[in-house]
Protein backbone atom coordinates (compact mmCIF):
# COMPACT_ATOMS: atom_id res chain seq x y z
CA UNK A 1 0.01 0.18 0.09
CA UNK A 2 3.00 2.19 0.58
CA UNK A 3 4.20 1.87 -2.96
CA UNK A 4 0.67 2.64 -4.39
CA UNK A 5 0.11 5.59 -2.48
CA UNK A 6 3.46 6.97 -3.65
CA UNK A 7 2.95 6.13 -7.10
CA UNK A 8 1.98 8.88 -9.74
CA UNK A 9 -0.19 8.79 -12.59
CA UNK A 10 1.47 9.53 -15.96
CA UNK A 11 0.02 11.64 -18.78
CA UNK A 12 -0.24 10.01 -22.20
CA UNK A 13 -1.11 11.14 -25.54
CA UNK A 14 -3.31 8.59 -27.59
CA UNK A 15 -3.22 9.30 -31.44
CA UNK A 16 -5.69 7.35 -33.76
CA UNK A 17 -7.26 7.57 -37.06
CA UNK A 18 -9.93 9.95 -35.68
CA UNK A 19 -7.51 12.18 -33.84
CA UNK A 20 -5.68 12.72 -30.29
CA UNK A 21 -6.60 12.65 -26.89
CA UNK A 22 -4.69 13.02 -23.62
CA UNK A 23 -5.16 10.90 -20.47
CA UNK A 24 -3.69 10.58 -16.88
CA UNK A 25 -3.33 7.14 -16.16
CA UNK A 26 -2.34 4.55 -13.48
CA UNK A 27 -2.50 1.62 -15.72
CA UNK A 28 -2.79 1.19 -19.51
CA UNK A 29 -3.58 -2.28 -20.87
CA UNK A 30 -3.69 -3.36 -24.49
CA UNK A 31 -6.02 -6.33 -24.63
CA UNK A 32 -6.95 -8.90 -27.68
CA UNK A 33 -9.12 -10.96 -25.34
CA UNK A 34 -11.11 -9.79 -22.33
CA UNK A 35 -9.27 -11.38 -19.49
CA UNK A 36 -5.82 -10.91 -17.55
CA UNK A 37 -4.84 -14.07 -15.91
CA UNK A 38 -6.96 -15.58 -12.99
CA UNK A 39 -10.16 -14.36 -14.85
CA UNK A 40 -9.71 -10.70 -14.22
CA UNK A 41 -11.69 -9.03 -16.85
CA UNK A 42 -9.89 -5.93 -18.05
CA UNK A 43 -11.48 -5.69 -21.22
CA UNK A 44 -15.21 -6.92 -21.41
CA UNK A 45 -15.88 -5.95 -25.16
CA UNK A 46 -12.59 -7.47 -26.53
CA UNK A 47 -12.95 -10.01 -29.18
CA UNK A 48 -10.13 -11.95 -30.36
CA UNK A 49 -11.19 -11.88 -34.23
CA UNK A 50 -12.52 -8.42 -34.50
CA UNK A 51 -9.34 -6.74 -35.96
CA UNK A 52 -9.05 -4.43 -33.03
CA UNK A 53 -7.09 -4.05 -29.88
CA UNK A 54 -9.04 -2.86 -26.88
CA UNK A 55 -7.20 0.02 -24.92
CA UNK A 56 -8.03 -0.04 -21.18
CA UNK A 57 -7.10 2.94 -19.16
CA UNK A 58 -7.32 3.03 -15.31
CA UNK A 59 -7.05 6.05 -13.33
CA UNK A 60 -5.23 6.10 -9.96
CA UNK A 61 -7.99 5.76 -7.11
CA UNK A 62 -8.09 6.30 -3.31
CA UNK A 63 -6.47 3.07 -1.78
CA UNK A 64 -10.03 2.56 -0.13
CA UNK A 65 -11.71 1.95 -3.45
CA UNK A 66 -9.25 -0.73 -4.69
CA UNK A 67 -11.16 -3.83 -3.37
CA UNK A 68 -14.10 -2.57 -5.12
CA UNK A 69 -12.37 -1.97 -8.28
CA UNK A 70 -10.82 -5.47 -8.11
CA UNK A 71 -14.09 -7.00 -7.46
CA UNK A 72 -15.64 -5.21 -10.62
CA UNK A 73 -12.84 -6.57 -12.55
CA UNK A 74 -13.27 -10.21 -11.38
CA UNK A 75 -17.07 -10.08 -12.01
CA UNK A 76 -16.94 -8.39 -15.47
CA UNK A 77 -18.42 -5.19 -14.25
CA UNK A 78 -15.34 -2.92 -14.49
CA UNK A 79 -16.93 -0.59 -17.34
CA UNK A 80 -19.24 0.70 -14.09
CA UNK A 81 -16.14 2.30 -12.60
CA UNK A 82 -15.55 6.10 -13.07
CA UNK A 83 -12.03 5.11 -12.89
CA UNK A 84 -11.89 3.18 -16.10
CA UNK A 85 -11.98 3.94 -19.77
CA UNK A 86 -12.19 1.73 -22.84
CA UNK A 87 -11.31 2.37 -26.45
CA UNK A 88 -10.95 0.17 -29.60
CA UNK A 89 -8.57 0.84 -32.66
CA UNK A 90 -6.81 -1.14 -35.20
CA UNK A 91 -3.96 1.21 -35.17
CA UNK A 92 -2.77 3.87 -32.68
CA UNK A 93 0.20 5.28 -30.78
CA UNK A 94 0.84 6.12 -27.12
CA UNK A 95 3.46 8.73 -26.34
CA UNK A 96 4.42 9.94 -22.91
CA UNK A 97 6.89 12.51 -21.65
CA UNK A 98 8.96 9.77 -19.69
CA UNK A 99 9.66 6.26 -20.31
CA UNK A 100 7.14 4.00 -18.89
CA UNK A 101 7.50 0.43 -18.13
CA UNK A 102 6.31 -2.24 -20.56
CA UNK A 103 5.05 -5.89 -19.91
CA UNK A 104 4.23 -8.44 -22.60
CA UNK A 105 1.88 -11.00 -21.31
CA UNK A 106 3.13 -10.38 -17.89
CA UNK A 107 6.82 -10.36 -18.48
CA UNK A 108 8.88 -7.33 -18.15
CA UNK A 109 9.92 -5.96 -21.44
CA UNK A 110 11.84 -2.69 -20.89
CA UNK A 111 10.87 0.87 -20.97
CA UNK A 112 9.74 3.36 -23.67
CA UNK A 113 8.12 6.62 -24.33
CA UNK A 114 6.41 5.68 -27.61
CA UNK A 115 4.23 2.45 -28.23
CA UNK A 116 3.04 2.14 -31.58
CA UNK A 117 0.23 -0.61 -32.05
CA UNK A 118 -1.13 -2.19 -35.21
CA UNK A 119 -3.34 -5.16 -35.66
CA UNK A 120 -2.17 -7.94 -38.07
CA UNK A 121 -5.59 -9.51 -38.47
CA UNK A 122 -5.33 -13.17 -39.44
CA UNK A 123 -1.80 -13.48 -38.76
CA UNK A 124 -1.79 -16.30 -35.90
CA UNK A 125 -2.81 -19.56 -37.29
CA UNK A 126 -4.04 -22.47 -35.00
CA UNK A 127 -4.49 -26.21 -35.47
CA UNK A 128 -7.29 -27.40 -33.35
CA UNK A 129 -7.53 -31.19 -33.28
């Protein structure tokens, strides 16, 4: 809780085909499916085959609100939170004033101040017995 209380939001700029927008965020998640691990639903509207990436933004909240926010995520009701914003794009860029940490599927992957995202629809082939 000590680290959470000291953590500062970061301002990011999102550029996409319809323009730009600025947001203060605590967590930014890009999702092609609705869930994080352990059934936490971060992007309830995400579909793996719609050709879009769901961009989930979470604003910092009072630490007393964290249990309610986590409960909403695990019960699929995160969109009801005033601390949550979701968007869908097939191509966009996220920029910040400082380098931010990047995790890919839960694994640390360095830092960057610019993230360019583009969907490669149909690029993953699966064989299902």
